[in-house]
Each structure stands twice: as C-alpha cells, then as structure tokens.
Amino acid sequence: MSMSTKPSITDPRVIRTRQLIRDAFIELLQEIELEKITVNRIAERATINRVTFYLHYKDIPDLMEKMADDMVHNLRMILHMEEGQLQLKSSWAKLVELLEHIAEHAKFYKVVLASKRVPVFTERLQKLLSDVITNRLEQRKVFMPSSAVSVPMDIAIWHGSSAVIGTIVCWLRNDMPYTPQYLAKQLSLLTPYSEQAERTDDTKKSPTLNS
C-alpha cells in the first residue's frame, strides 16, 4: 500500500493538538508581549512538549500565519467567497453572520484584532474586506449615485475596509455593547448607497430577465 502512514490533518488528535497550541498562544498573548512568547511557553501552557509543537508548526511566525489563514478561510466561508469572488447580495446580507462569528469567538478576535499585538491578522482582514468592497463596487457602480461614482475606487476601498475594521475593533474593545444584528444594521445605514443600489437594481431589471 503506497499511502503514507502520516496522520491526516483531519485526524481528531491532530485537530485537538493544534487547538491546544493555538489556545495556549492566545492565552499567552493576553498576558505578555508577543516578543516574550516562546515555543517552550506555548508547549508548557498547552501541556505538550516542544517536539510536538514542531510537528505542527515551524516556529511562532508560522503558527501565526496558519492561524491567520484559517481565520480568513472561515470568514470567506461566512461571506460565501470562493477564489476572490463574492455573491452579489452576500456582502451586507452576511454581515450579521460575520459579526455573530466574531462575537462567538470574541476571546480570539479581541487578542488578534483589538490588541494591535499581531498585525498579521488585521492585515489579512483588511485584504479580505478590500476584496469584498472591490467586488461590490465593480458590480454595483453602474447603479451608484454620481457622487459615489466620482470617488476613485482605491479611496472607496480604503475607506470602506478601514471603517468596518475600526468599528469591529472598537466594538470588541468595548465588550460588544451592541448585538451583531444591531451593529450590522447600523453599518448598513452608514453605507446607504448599497441599499439604494439594491433597490435601483431591482427596478432596472428587464422583465425578460426575471425568472
């Protein structure tokens, strides 16, 4: 049999060990600066040995990269994004689910986004939201008010992604005083062109195109 005997990454033992490592890393980030975190400290907190850590990650930067990759993957799944594409009505329609996911994993997101200790996570989220906004602007620009169209796309993307991230960070830092549903509604009100575009699009559809 030519198949490798190396455990699959879907092996429950592998998943559990990686989760222990990641939980230990997040706990340590809550307590000390990133520069003071070592593999030994992570292993001790996760109740594993150094060798086990290195079976899963090359070093701490690799651990952070893998965690950021998984974060983006999870958020893309929530937003129904595949290979950089976003379903037309998914961005704001899925915002509630996005915020509910963040609230459910608030301990993680408070550390990686609100603490400013590990910028790789904020950078990845910025890129993801930029993709979302770029896709939406490209699909909706024909229906946008002229004032919105006159804004260069790169400025609109910078503003939109930074505003959403900034709002989420403040929400986390203030212990989420609003529900995900309420916050999503307020964010949608702050981007009225998206709702207007939805309505305008509906009125401009040709009857022959409706199924």
N, C-alpha and C. Protein backbone atom coordinates (compact mmCIF):
# COMPACT_ATOMS: atom_id res chain seq x y z
N MET A 1 0.85 -1.17 0.00
CA MET A 1 0.00 0.00 0.00
C MET A 1 0.89 1.23 0.00
N SER A 2 0.71 2.13 -0.97
CA SER A 2 1.61 3.26 -1.14
C SER A 2 1.23 4.48 -0.34
N MET A 3 0.05 4.43 0.30
CA MET A 3 -0.39 5.60 1.05
C MET A 3 0.50 5.83 2.26
N SER A 4 0.74 7.11 2.58
CA SER A 4 1.58 7.47 3.73
C SER A 4 0.85 7.15 5.02
N THR A 5 1.62 6.77 6.02
CA THR A 5 1.03 6.48 7.33
C THR A 5 0.97 7.73 8.20
N LYS A 6 1.43 8.87 7.66
CA LYS A 6 1.39 10.12 8.42
C LYS A 6 -0.06 10.51 8.69
N PRO A 7 -0.40 10.87 9.94
CA PRO A 7 -1.78 11.21 10.27
C PRO A 7 -2.31 12.35 9.42
N SER A 8 -3.56 12.23 8.98
CA SER A 8 -4.19 13.31 8.23
C SER A 8 -4.43 14.50 9.12
N ILE A 9 -4.45 15.70 8.50
CA ILE A 9 -4.71 16.91 9.30
C ILE A 9 -6.13 16.90 9.84
N THR A 10 -6.99 16.01 9.30
CA THR A 10 -8.35 15.90 9.81
C THR A 10 -8.43 14.89 10.95
N ASP A 11 -7.32 14.25 11.26
CA ASP A 11 -7.26 13.32 12.39
C ASP A 11 -7.66 14.08 13.65
N PRO A 12 -8.64 13.59 14.41
CA PRO A 12 -9.09 14.30 15.62
C PRO A 12 -7.96 14.63 16.58
N ARG A 13 -6.94 13.75 16.65
CA ARG A 13 -5.82 14.02 17.55
C ARG A 13 -5.00 15.22 17.08
N VAL A 14 -4.84 15.31 15.76
CA VAL A 14 -4.11 16.44 15.19
C VAL A 14 -4.88 17.74 15.43
N ILE A 15 -6.17 17.71 15.15
CA ILE A 15 -7.01 18.89 15.35
C ILE A 15 -6.97 19.34 16.80
N ARG A 16 -7.08 18.36 17.73
CA ARG A 16 -7.08 18.70 19.15
C ARG A 16 -5.75 19.31 19.57
N THR A 17 -4.64 18.72 19.10
CA THR A 17 -3.32 19.23 19.47
C THR A 17 -3.11 20.65 18.95
N ARG A 18 -3.50 20.87 17.71
CA ARG A 18 -3.34 22.21 17.13
C ARG A 18 -4.20 23.23 17.86
N GLN A 19 -5.38 22.80 18.28
CA GLN A 19 -6.25 23.72 19.02
C GLN A 19 -5.65 24.05 20.38
N LEU A 20 -5.04 23.06 21.02
CA LEU A 20 -4.37 23.30 22.30
C LEU A 20 -3.25 24.32 22.13
N ILE A 21 -2.48 24.17 21.06
CA ILE A 21 -1.37 25.08 20.79
C ILE A 21 -1.90 26.50 20.55
N ARG A 22 -2.92 26.60 19.74
CA ARG A 22 -3.47 27.92 19.41
C ARG A 22 -4.12 28.58 20.62
N ASP A 23 -4.84 27.80 21.41
CA ASP A 23 -5.45 28.35 22.63
C ASP A 23 -4.37 28.84 23.59
N ALA A 24 -3.30 28.09 23.70
CA ALA A 24 -2.19 28.48 24.57
C ALA A 24 -1.56 29.78 24.09
N PHE A 25 -1.38 29.90 22.79
CA PHE A 25 -0.80 31.11 22.21
C PHE A 25 -1.69 32.32 22.49
N ILE A 26 -2.99 32.19 22.30
CA ILE A 26 -3.93 33.29 22.54
C ILE A 26 -3.92 33.68 24.02
N GLU A 27 -3.89 32.68 24.90
CA GLU A 27 -3.85 32.98 26.34
C GLU A 27 -2.59 33.73 26.71
N LEU A 28 -1.47 33.32 26.14
CA LEU A 28 -0.21 34.00 26.44
C LEU A 28 -0.21 35.43 25.90
N LEU A 29 -0.82 35.64 24.73
CA LEU A 29 -0.90 36.98 24.17
C LEU A 29 -1.71 37.91 25.06
N GLN A 30 -2.67 37.35 25.79
CA GLN A 30 -3.46 38.16 26.72
C GLN A 30 -2.63 38.61 27.91
N GLU A 31 -1.56 37.87 28.18
CA GLU A 31 -0.78 38.11 29.40
C GLU A 31 0.54 38.84 29.17
N ILE A 32 1.21 38.53 28.07
CA ILE A 32 2.54 39.09 27.84
C ILE A 32 2.70 39.56 26.40
N GLU A 33 3.77 40.31 26.15
CA GLU A 33 4.04 40.79 24.80
C GLU A 33 4.45 39.63 23.89
N LEU A 34 4.18 39.80 22.60
CA LEU A 34 4.49 38.76 21.63
C LEU A 34 5.97 38.37 21.68
N GLU A 35 6.84 39.37 21.84
CA GLU A 35 8.28 39.11 21.83
C GLU A 35 8.72 38.20 22.98
N LYS A 36 7.92 38.12 24.02
CA LYS A 36 8.28 37.30 25.18
C LYS A 36 7.72 35.88 25.09
N ILE A 37 6.91 35.64 24.10
CA ILE A 37 6.32 34.30 23.94
C ILE A 37 7.31 33.39 23.23
N THR A 38 7.57 32.24 23.81
CA THR A 38 8.49 31.26 23.24
C THR A 38 7.76 29.95 22.99
N VAL A 39 8.38 29.10 22.20
CA VAL A 39 7.81 27.78 21.95
C VAL A 39 7.70 27.00 23.26
N ASN A 40 8.70 27.16 24.12
CA ASN A 40 8.65 26.48 25.42
C ASN A 40 7.43 26.90 26.22
N ARG A 41 7.15 28.20 26.23
CA ARG A 41 6.00 28.69 26.99
C ARG A 41 4.69 28.18 26.40
N ILE A 42 4.61 28.17 25.08
CA ILE A 42 3.40 27.66 24.42
C ILE A 42 3.22 26.18 24.74
N ALA A 43 4.29 25.43 24.62
CA ALA A 43 4.22 23.98 24.87
C ALA A 43 3.81 23.70 26.31
N GLU A 44 4.39 24.45 27.23
CA GLU A 44 4.06 24.25 28.64
C GLU A 44 2.59 24.57 28.90
N ARG A 45 2.11 25.67 28.34
CA ARG A 45 0.72 26.06 28.55
C ARG A 45 -0.24 25.05 27.89
N ALA A 46 0.18 24.51 26.75
CA ALA A 46 -0.66 23.56 26.02
C ALA A 46 -0.52 22.12 26.54
N THR A 47 0.33 21.94 27.52
CA THR A 47 0.62 20.62 28.11
C THR A 47 1.09 19.62 27.06
N ILE A 48 2.00 20.11 26.20
CA ILE A 48 2.65 19.24 25.22
C ILE A 48 4.16 19.48 25.33
N ASN A 49 4.94 18.77 24.53
CA ASN A 49 6.37 19.04 24.53
C ASN A 49 6.78 19.80 23.27
N ARG A 50 8.00 20.31 23.26
CA ARG A 50 8.49 21.09 22.13
C ARG A 50 8.44 20.30 20.82
N VAL A 51 8.78 19.03 20.90
CA VAL A 51 8.80 18.20 19.70
C VAL A 51 7.41 18.17 19.06
N THR A 52 6.39 18.06 19.88
CA THR A 52 5.02 18.03 19.36
C THR A 52 4.68 19.34 18.67
N PHE A 53 5.10 20.45 19.25
CA PHE A 53 4.86 21.75 18.61
C PHE A 53 5.46 21.77 17.20
N TYR A 54 6.71 21.33 17.09
CA TYR A 54 7.41 21.38 15.81
C TYR A 54 6.89 20.36 14.79
N LEU A 55 6.10 19.41 15.24
CA LEU A 55 5.44 18.50 14.31
C LEU A 55 4.33 19.22 13.54
N HIS A 56 3.85 20.33 14.11
CA HIS A 56 2.73 21.05 13.52
C HIS A 56 3.10 22.41 12.94
N TYR A 57 4.10 23.06 13.55
CA TYR A 57 4.48 24.41 13.10
C TYR A 57 6.00 24.54 13.10
N LYS A 58 6.52 25.29 12.13
CA LYS A 58 7.97 25.51 12.06
C LYS A 58 8.46 26.38 13.20
N ASP A 59 7.68 27.41 13.51
CA ASP A 59 8.04 28.35 14.56
C ASP A 59 6.81 29.19 14.89
N ILE A 60 6.95 30.19 15.74
CA ILE A 60 5.81 31.02 16.13
C ILE A 60 5.27 31.84 14.95
N PRO A 61 6.13 32.44 14.12
CA PRO A 61 5.58 33.14 12.94
C PRO A 61 4.76 32.22 12.04
N ASP A 62 5.20 30.97 11.89
CA ASP A 62 4.44 30.03 11.08
C ASP A 62 3.09 29.74 11.74
N LEU A 63 3.08 29.62 13.06
CA LEU A 63 1.83 29.43 13.79
C LEU A 63 0.87 30.58 13.52
N MET A 64 1.37 31.82 13.59
CA MET A 64 0.52 32.98 13.36
C MET A 64 -0.01 33.02 11.93
N GLU A 65 0.86 32.67 10.97
CA GLU A 65 0.44 32.65 9.57
C GLU A 65 -0.67 31.63 9.35
N LYS A 66 -0.51 30.45 9.95
CA LYS A 66 -1.52 29.40 9.79
C LYS A 66 -2.83 29.81 10.46
N MET A 67 -2.73 30.45 11.61
CA MET A 67 -3.93 30.92 12.30
C MET A 67 -4.64 32.00 11.49
N ALA A 68 -3.85 32.89 10.88
CA ALA A 68 -4.43 33.94 10.03
C ALA A 68 -5.09 33.33 8.80
N ASP A 69 -4.43 32.32 8.23
CA ASP A 69 -5.00 31.62 7.07
C ASP A 69 -6.36 31.03 7.42
N ASP A 70 -6.44 30.38 8.57
CA ASP A 70 -7.69 29.74 8.98
C ASP A 70 -8.76 30.80 9.27
N MET A 71 -8.35 31.92 9.88
CA MET A 71 -9.31 33.00 10.15
C MET A 71 -9.93 33.48 8.84
N VAL A 72 -9.09 33.76 7.85
CA VAL A 72 -9.59 34.25 6.57
C VAL A 72 -10.46 33.21 5.88
N HIS A 73 -10.04 31.94 5.96
CA HIS A 73 -10.84 30.86 5.37
C HIS A 73 -12.24 30.82 5.99
N ASN A 74 -12.31 30.91 7.31
CA ASN A 74 -13.61 30.88 7.99
C ASN A 74 -14.48 32.07 7.59
N LEU A 75 -13.87 33.26 7.50
CA LEU A 75 -14.62 34.45 7.14
C LEU A 75 -15.08 34.39 5.68
N ARG A 76 -14.24 33.83 4.82
CA ARG A 76 -14.64 33.67 3.42
C ARG A 76 -15.83 32.72 3.30
N MET A 77 -15.84 31.68 4.09
CA MET A 77 -16.96 30.75 4.07
C MET A 77 -18.24 31.45 4.50
N ILE A 78 -18.15 32.29 5.52
CA ILE A 78 -19.32 33.02 6.00
C ILE A 78 -19.83 33.98 4.94
N LEU A 79 -18.90 34.62 4.23
CA LEU A 79 -19.27 35.60 3.20
C LEU A 79 -19.56 34.96 1.84
N HIS A 80 -19.47 33.63 1.79
CA HIS A 80 -19.71 32.89 0.55
C HIS A 80 -18.74 33.33 -0.55
N MET A 81 -17.49 33.51 -0.17
CA MET A 81 -16.48 33.90 -1.14
C MET A 81 -15.68 32.68 -1.57
N GLU A 82 -15.45 32.58 -2.87
CA GLU A 82 -14.64 31.49 -3.41
C GLU A 82 -13.70 32.07 -4.45
N GLU A 83 -12.42 31.85 -4.23
CA GLU A 83 -11.40 32.32 -5.16
C GLU A 83 -11.56 33.80 -5.49
N GLY A 84 -11.78 34.58 -4.43
CA GLY A 84 -11.84 36.03 -4.60
C GLY A 84 -13.17 36.55 -5.09
N GLN A 85 -14.13 35.67 -5.35
CA GLN A 85 -15.43 36.11 -5.83
C GLN A 85 -16.43 36.18 -4.69
N LEU A 86 -17.36 37.10 -4.81
CA LEU A 86 -18.39 37.30 -3.79
C LEU A 86 -19.75 37.33 -4.46
N GLN A 87 -20.69 36.55 -3.94
CA GLN A 87 -22.03 36.60 -4.49
C GLN A 87 -22.58 38.01 -4.33
N LEU A 88 -23.34 38.47 -5.32
CA LEU A 88 -23.74 39.86 -5.41
C LEU A 88 -24.39 40.39 -4.15
N LYS A 89 -25.30 39.63 -3.56
CA LYS A 89 -26.04 40.14 -2.41
C LYS A 89 -25.52 39.57 -1.10
N SER A 90 -24.29 39.08 -1.09
CA SER A 90 -23.78 38.42 0.11
C SER A 90 -23.09 39.35 1.09
N SER A 91 -22.47 40.44 0.58
CA SER A 91 -21.60 41.21 1.45
C SER A 91 -22.31 41.77 2.68
N TRP A 92 -23.37 42.56 2.47
CA TRP A 92 -24.07 43.11 3.62
C TRP A 92 -25.07 42.12 4.19
N ALA A 93 -25.64 41.27 3.35
CA ALA A 93 -26.59 40.28 3.84
C ALA A 93 -25.94 39.32 4.82
N LYS A 94 -24.62 39.09 4.64
CA LYS A 94 -23.91 38.16 5.51
C LYS A 94 -23.17 38.86 6.64
N LEU A 95 -23.31 40.17 6.73
CA LEU A 95 -22.59 40.90 7.78
C LEU A 95 -23.01 40.45 9.18
N VAL A 96 -24.28 40.17 9.36
CA VAL A 96 -24.75 39.68 10.66
C VAL A 96 -24.04 38.39 11.04
N GLU A 97 -23.95 37.46 10.08
CA GLU A 97 -23.28 36.19 10.34
C GLU A 97 -21.80 36.42 10.66
N LEU A 98 -21.19 37.36 9.97
CA LEU A 98 -19.79 37.69 10.22
C LEU A 98 -19.61 38.18 11.64
N LEU A 99 -20.47 39.11 12.07
CA LEU A 99 -20.37 39.67 13.42
C LEU A 99 -20.74 38.64 14.49
N GLU A 100 -21.68 37.77 14.17
CA GLU A 100 -22.03 36.70 15.11
C GLU A 100 -20.85 35.75 15.30
N HIS A 101 -20.16 35.46 14.20
CA HIS A 101 -18.97 34.61 14.29
C HIS A 101 -17.90 35.28 15.16
N ILE A 102 -17.67 36.56 14.96
CA ILE A 102 -16.68 37.29 15.76
C ILE A 102 -17.08 37.30 17.23
N ALA A 103 -18.38 37.52 17.50
CA ALA A 103 -18.86 37.53 18.89
C ALA A 103 -18.69 36.16 19.54
N GLU A 104 -18.96 35.11 18.77
CA GLU A 104 -18.84 33.75 19.30
C GLU A 104 -17.39 33.42 19.65
N HIS A 105 -16.45 34.00 18.90
CA HIS A 105 -15.03 33.76 19.14
C HIS A 105 -14.36 35.05 19.61
N ALA A 106 -15.06 35.76 20.50
CA ALA A 106 -14.60 37.08 20.94
C ALA A 106 -13.23 37.04 21.60
N LYS A 107 -12.94 36.00 22.35
CA LYS A 107 -11.65 35.92 23.02
C LYS A 107 -10.51 35.97 22.01
N PHE A 108 -10.66 35.21 20.93
CA PHE A 108 -9.66 35.17 19.88
C PHE A 108 -9.54 36.52 19.19
N TYR A 109 -10.67 37.08 18.76
CA TYR A 109 -10.64 38.31 17.99
C TYR A 109 -10.21 39.52 18.82
N LYS A 110 -10.54 39.51 20.11
CA LYS A 110 -10.08 40.61 20.96
C LYS A 110 -8.56 40.66 21.01
N VAL A 111 -7.94 39.51 21.00
CA VAL A 111 -6.48 39.45 21.07
C VAL A 111 -5.85 39.78 19.72
N VAL A 112 -6.34 39.16 18.65
CA VAL A 112 -5.65 39.30 17.36
C VAL A 112 -6.01 40.58 16.62
N LEU A 113 -7.18 41.17 16.93
CA LEU A 113 -7.57 42.40 16.24
C LEU A 113 -7.50 43.62 17.15
N ALA A 114 -8.04 43.51 18.33
CA ALA A 114 -8.19 44.69 19.19
C ALA A 114 -6.93 45.05 19.99
N SER A 115 -5.97 44.13 20.07
CA SER A 115 -4.80 44.40 20.91
C SER A 115 -3.64 45.04 20.15
N LYS A 116 -3.67 44.97 18.82
CA LYS A 116 -2.60 45.51 17.96
C LYS A 116 -1.27 44.77 18.15
N ARG A 117 -1.29 43.63 18.82
CA ARG A 117 -0.04 42.91 19.08
C ARG A 117 0.41 42.05 17.90
N VAL A 118 -0.57 41.63 17.09
CA VAL A 118 -0.24 40.75 15.96
C VAL A 118 -0.88 41.31 14.69
N PRO A 119 -0.23 42.27 14.06
CA PRO A 119 -0.82 42.96 12.90
C PRO A 119 -1.15 42.06 11.72
N VAL A 120 -0.55 40.86 11.64
CA VAL A 120 -0.81 39.99 10.50
C VAL A 120 -2.30 39.68 10.37
N PHE A 121 -3.02 39.59 11.49
CA PHE A 121 -4.44 39.27 11.43
C PHE A 121 -5.25 40.45 10.89
N THR A 122 -4.91 41.66 11.35
CA THR A 122 -5.60 42.84 10.85
C THR A 122 -5.32 43.05 9.37
N GLU A 123 -4.07 42.79 8.97
CA GLU A 123 -3.71 42.94 7.55
C GLU A 123 -4.49 41.96 6.68
N ARG A 124 -4.63 40.73 7.17
CA ARG A 124 -5.39 39.74 6.40
C ARG A 124 -6.87 40.11 6.31
N LEU A 125 -7.41 40.61 7.42
CA LEU A 125 -8.81 41.03 7.41
C LEU A 125 -9.01 42.23 6.49
N GLN A 126 -8.05 43.15 6.50
CA GLN A 126 -8.10 44.31 5.62
C GLN A 126 -8.15 43.86 4.16
N LYS A 127 -7.31 42.89 3.81
CA LYS A 127 -7.28 42.38 2.44
C LYS A 127 -8.61 41.71 2.08
N LEU A 128 -9.15 40.94 3.01
CA LEU A 128 -10.42 40.27 2.76
C LEU A 128 -11.54 41.28 2.52
N LEU A 129 -11.64 42.28 3.39
CA LEU A 129 -12.69 43.28 3.24
C LEU A 129 -12.49 44.12 1.98
N SER A 130 -11.24 44.36 1.62
CA SER A 130 -10.96 45.08 0.37
C SER A 130 -11.48 44.29 -0.82
N ASP A 131 -11.31 42.96 -0.79
CA ASP A 131 -11.83 42.11 -1.85
C ASP A 131 -13.35 42.20 -1.91
N VAL A 132 -13.98 42.18 -0.73
CA VAL A 132 -15.44 42.27 -0.66
C VAL A 132 -15.92 43.58 -1.27
N ILE A 133 -15.31 44.69 -0.83
CA ILE A 133 -15.74 46.01 -1.29
C ILE A 133 -15.43 46.21 -2.76
N THR A 134 -14.27 45.74 -3.20
CA THR A 134 -13.92 45.85 -4.62
C THR A 134 -14.95 45.14 -5.48
N ASN A 135 -15.29 43.92 -5.07
CA ASN A 135 -16.25 43.13 -5.83
C ASN A 135 -17.61 43.84 -5.88
N ARG A 136 -18.02 44.37 -4.74
CA ARG A 136 -19.33 45.03 -4.69
C ARG A 136 -19.34 46.31 -5.52
N LEU A 137 -18.29 47.08 -5.43
CA LEU A 137 -18.22 48.32 -6.21
C LEU A 137 -18.21 48.04 -7.71
N GLU A 138 -17.48 47.03 -8.10
CA GLU A 138 -17.41 46.70 -9.52
C GLU A 138 -18.76 46.25 -10.06
N GLN A 139 -19.52 45.53 -9.23
CA GLN A 139 -20.81 45.03 -9.68
C GLN A 139 -21.92 46.06 -9.57
N ARG A 140 -21.73 47.03 -8.67
CA ARG A 140 -22.80 47.98 -8.41
C ARG A 140 -22.55 49.39 -8.96
N LYS A 141 -21.36 49.68 -9.44
CA LYS A 141 -21.02 51.06 -9.77
C LYS A 141 -21.95 51.67 -10.81
N VAL A 142 -22.49 50.85 -11.69
CA VAL A 142 -23.39 51.38 -12.70
C VAL A 142 -24.67 51.94 -12.09
N PHE A 143 -25.02 51.47 -10.87
CA PHE A 143 -26.25 51.92 -10.22
C PHE A 143 -26.00 52.93 -9.10
N MET A 144 -24.74 53.25 -8.84
CA MET A 144 -24.42 54.17 -7.74
C MET A 144 -24.77 55.60 -8.09
N PRO A 145 -25.05 56.44 -7.08
CA PRO A 145 -25.24 57.87 -7.32
C PRO A 145 -23.97 58.45 -7.92
N SER A 146 -24.10 59.50 -8.69
CA SER A 146 -22.94 60.08 -9.36
C SER A 146 -21.88 60.52 -8.37
N SER A 147 -22.28 60.96 -7.17
CA SER A 147 -21.31 61.41 -6.18
C SER A 147 -20.42 60.26 -5.72
N ALA A 148 -21.01 59.05 -5.67
CA ALA A 148 -20.22 57.90 -5.26
C ALA A 148 -19.29 57.45 -6.38
N VAL A 149 -19.80 57.52 -7.62
CA VAL A 149 -19.00 57.09 -8.75
C VAL A 149 -17.77 57.96 -8.92
N SER A 150 -17.88 59.26 -8.55
CA SER A 150 -16.77 60.18 -8.74
C SER A 150 -15.61 59.92 -7.79
N VAL A 151 -15.84 59.14 -6.75
CA VAL A 151 -14.77 58.82 -5.81
C VAL A 151 -13.90 57.73 -6.40
N PRO A 152 -12.58 57.94 -6.48
CA PRO A 152 -11.70 56.90 -7.01
C PRO A 152 -11.90 55.59 -6.24
N MET A 153 -11.89 54.47 -6.96
CA MET A 153 -12.18 53.19 -6.34
C MET A 153 -11.22 52.86 -5.20
N ASP A 154 -9.93 53.18 -5.38
CA ASP A 154 -8.99 52.81 -4.32
C ASP A 154 -9.30 53.55 -3.02
N ILE A 155 -9.74 54.82 -3.12
CA ILE A 155 -10.10 55.57 -1.92
C ILE A 155 -11.34 54.97 -1.27
N ALA A 156 -12.33 54.59 -2.10
CA ALA A 156 -13.54 53.97 -1.57
C ALA A 156 -13.23 52.67 -0.85
N ILE A 157 -12.30 51.90 -1.41
CA ILE A 157 -11.92 50.62 -0.80
C ILE A 157 -11.19 50.86 0.52
N TRP A 158 -10.23 51.80 0.53
CA TRP A 158 -9.50 52.10 1.77
C TRP A 158 -10.47 52.54 2.86
N HIS A 159 -11.37 53.45 2.48
CA HIS A 159 -12.31 53.98 3.46
C HIS A 159 -13.25 52.90 3.98
N GLY A 160 -13.82 52.13 3.06
CA GLY A 160 -14.78 51.12 3.46
C GLY A 160 -14.19 50.04 4.34
N SER A 161 -13.05 49.48 3.95
CA SER A 161 -12.44 48.40 4.73
C SER A 161 -11.95 48.90 6.08
N SER A 162 -11.34 50.09 6.10
CA SER A 162 -10.83 50.64 7.36
C SER A 162 -11.97 50.97 8.32
N ALA A 163 -13.08 51.48 7.78
CA ALA A 163 -14.21 51.83 8.63
C ALA A 163 -14.81 50.60 9.29
N VAL A 164 -14.96 49.52 8.50
CA VAL A 164 -15.55 48.30 9.06
C VAL A 164 -14.63 47.69 10.12
N ILE A 165 -13.32 47.61 9.81
CA ILE A 165 -12.37 47.06 10.78
C ILE A 165 -12.34 47.91 12.03
N GLY A 166 -12.28 49.23 11.86
CA GLY A 166 -12.24 50.13 13.01
C GLY A 166 -13.45 49.98 13.90
N THR A 167 -14.62 49.83 13.27
CA THR A 167 -15.85 49.65 14.04
C THR A 167 -15.84 48.33 14.80
N ILE A 168 -15.40 47.26 14.15
CA ILE A 168 -15.34 45.95 14.80
C ILE A 168 -14.36 45.98 15.97
N VAL A 169 -13.21 46.62 15.78
CA VAL A 169 -12.21 46.72 16.84
C VAL A 169 -12.77 47.47 18.04
N CYS A 170 -13.41 48.61 17.81
CA CYS A 170 -13.99 49.38 18.92
C CYS A 170 -15.10 48.58 19.60
N TRP A 171 -15.87 47.86 18.83
CA TRP A 171 -16.93 47.02 19.37
C TRP A 171 -16.35 45.97 20.30
N LEU A 172 -15.26 45.33 19.88
CA LEU A 172 -14.61 44.31 20.72
C LEU A 172 -13.99 44.94 21.97
N ARG A 173 -13.30 46.06 21.79
CA ARG A 173 -12.63 46.70 22.93
C ARG A 173 -13.62 47.16 23.99
N ASN A 174 -14.85 47.45 23.56
CA ASN A 174 -15.88 47.89 24.50
C ASN A 174 -16.79 46.75 24.93
N ASP A 175 -16.28 45.53 24.80
CA ASP A 175 -17.00 44.33 25.23
C ASP A 175 -18.35 44.16 24.54
N MET A 176 -18.39 44.49 23.26
CA MET A 176 -19.55 44.25 22.40
C MET A 176 -20.87 44.73 23.02
N PRO A 177 -21.01 46.05 23.23
CA PRO A 177 -22.22 46.59 23.86
C PRO A 177 -23.47 46.46 23.00
N TYR A 178 -23.30 46.19 21.70
CA TYR A 178 -24.44 46.02 20.80
C TYR A 178 -24.45 44.60 20.24
N THR A 179 -25.64 44.13 19.93
CA THR A 179 -25.75 42.80 19.33
C THR A 179 -25.21 42.83 17.90
N PRO A 180 -24.77 41.68 17.39
CA PRO A 180 -24.33 41.63 15.99
C PRO A 180 -25.39 42.15 15.03
N GLN A 181 -26.66 41.82 15.31
CA GLN A 181 -27.74 42.26 14.43
C GLN A 181 -27.86 43.78 14.41
N TYR A 182 -27.79 44.39 15.59
CA TYR A 182 -27.92 45.85 15.67
C TYR A 182 -26.73 46.53 15.01
N LEU A 183 -25.53 46.02 15.28
CA LEU A 183 -24.34 46.63 14.70
C LEU A 183 -24.35 46.50 13.17
N ALA A 184 -24.77 45.35 12.67
CA ALA A 184 -24.84 45.16 11.22
C ALA A 184 -25.81 46.16 10.60
N LYS A 185 -26.94 46.40 11.27
CA LYS A 185 -27.92 47.35 10.77
C LYS A 185 -27.33 48.75 10.71
N GLN A 186 -26.62 49.14 11.75
CA GLN A 186 -26.02 50.48 11.78
C GLN A 186 -24.96 50.63 10.70
N LEU A 187 -24.16 49.59 10.48
CA LEU A 187 -23.15 49.64 9.43
C LEU A 187 -23.79 49.77 8.06
N SER A 188 -24.92 49.08 7.87
CA SER A 188 -25.61 49.18 6.58
C SER A 188 -26.19 50.57 6.38
N LEU A 189 -26.62 51.21 7.47
CA LEU A 189 -27.14 52.58 7.37
C LEU A 189 -26.02 53.57 7.03
N LEU A 190 -24.81 53.23 7.44
CA LEU A 190 -23.67 54.10 7.15
C LEU A 190 -23.18 53.96 5.72
N THR A 191 -23.73 52.97 5.01
CA THR A 191 -23.39 52.80 3.59
C THR A 191 -24.69 52.77 2.80
N PRO A 192 -25.41 53.88 2.80
CA PRO A 192 -26.74 53.90 2.17
C PRO A 192 -26.73 53.58 0.69
N TYR A 193 -25.59 53.82 0.00
CA TYR A 193 -25.57 53.55 -1.43
C TYR A 193 -25.80 52.08 -1.74
N SER A 194 -25.38 51.20 -0.81
CA SER A 194 -25.54 49.77 -1.06
C SER A 194 -27.02 49.39 -1.09
N GLU A 195 -27.79 49.94 -0.13
CA GLU A 195 -29.22 49.65 -0.10
C GLU A 195 -29.91 50.29 -1.30
N GLN A 196 -29.51 51.52 -1.63
CA GLN A 196 -30.11 52.20 -2.76
C GLN A 196 -29.82 51.46 -4.06
N ALA A 197 -28.60 50.95 -4.15
CA ALA A 197 -28.22 50.21 -5.35
C ALA A 197 -29.06 48.95 -5.50
N GLU A 198 -29.34 48.29 -4.36
CA GLU A 198 -30.16 47.09 -4.40
C GLU A 198 -31.53 47.42 -4.98
N ARG A 199 -32.13 48.54 -4.47
CA ARG A 199 -33.47 48.90 -4.93
C ARG A 199 -33.45 49.33 -6.39
N THR A 200 -32.43 50.14 -6.74
CA THR A 200 -32.33 50.62 -8.11
C THR A 200 -32.14 49.46 -9.07
N ASP A 201 -31.32 48.50 -8.65
CA ASP A 201 -31.06 47.33 -9.49
C ASP A 201 -32.36 46.58 -9.78
N ASP A 202 -33.18 46.41 -8.73
CA ASP A 202 -34.43 45.68 -8.89
C ASP A 202 -35.35 46.37 -9.89
N THR A 203 -35.40 47.71 -9.84
CA THR A 203 -36.30 48.44 -10.73
C THR A 203 -35.79 48.46 -12.16
N LYS A 204 -34.48 48.28 -12.35
CA LYS A 204 -33.91 48.36 -13.69
C LYS A 204 -33.86 47.01 -14.40
N LYS A 205 -34.19 45.94 -13.69
CA LYS A 205 -34.15 44.62 -14.32
C LYS A 205 -35.22 44.50 -15.41
N SER A 206 -34.86 43.95 -16.49
CA SER A 206 -35.82 43.74 -17.57
C SER A 206 -36.71 42.56 -17.21
N PRO A 207 -38.02 42.67 -17.49
CA PRO A 207 -38.95 41.56 -17.18
C PRO A 207 -38.52 40.26 -17.85
N THR A 208 -37.86 40.38 -18.99
CA THR A 208 -37.46 39.16 -19.71
C THR A 208 -36.33 38.45 -19.04
N LEU A 209 -35.66 39.14 -18.08
CA LEU A 209 -34.53 38.52 -17.39
C LEU A 209 -34.94 37.89 -16.08
N ASN A 210 -36.15 38.21 -15.63
CA ASN A 210 -36.61 37.67 -14.34
C ASN A 210 -37.09 36.25 -14.53
N SER A 211 -36.70 35.40 -13.59
CA SER A 211 -37.15 34.01 -13.68
C SER A 211 -38.36 33.79 -12.82
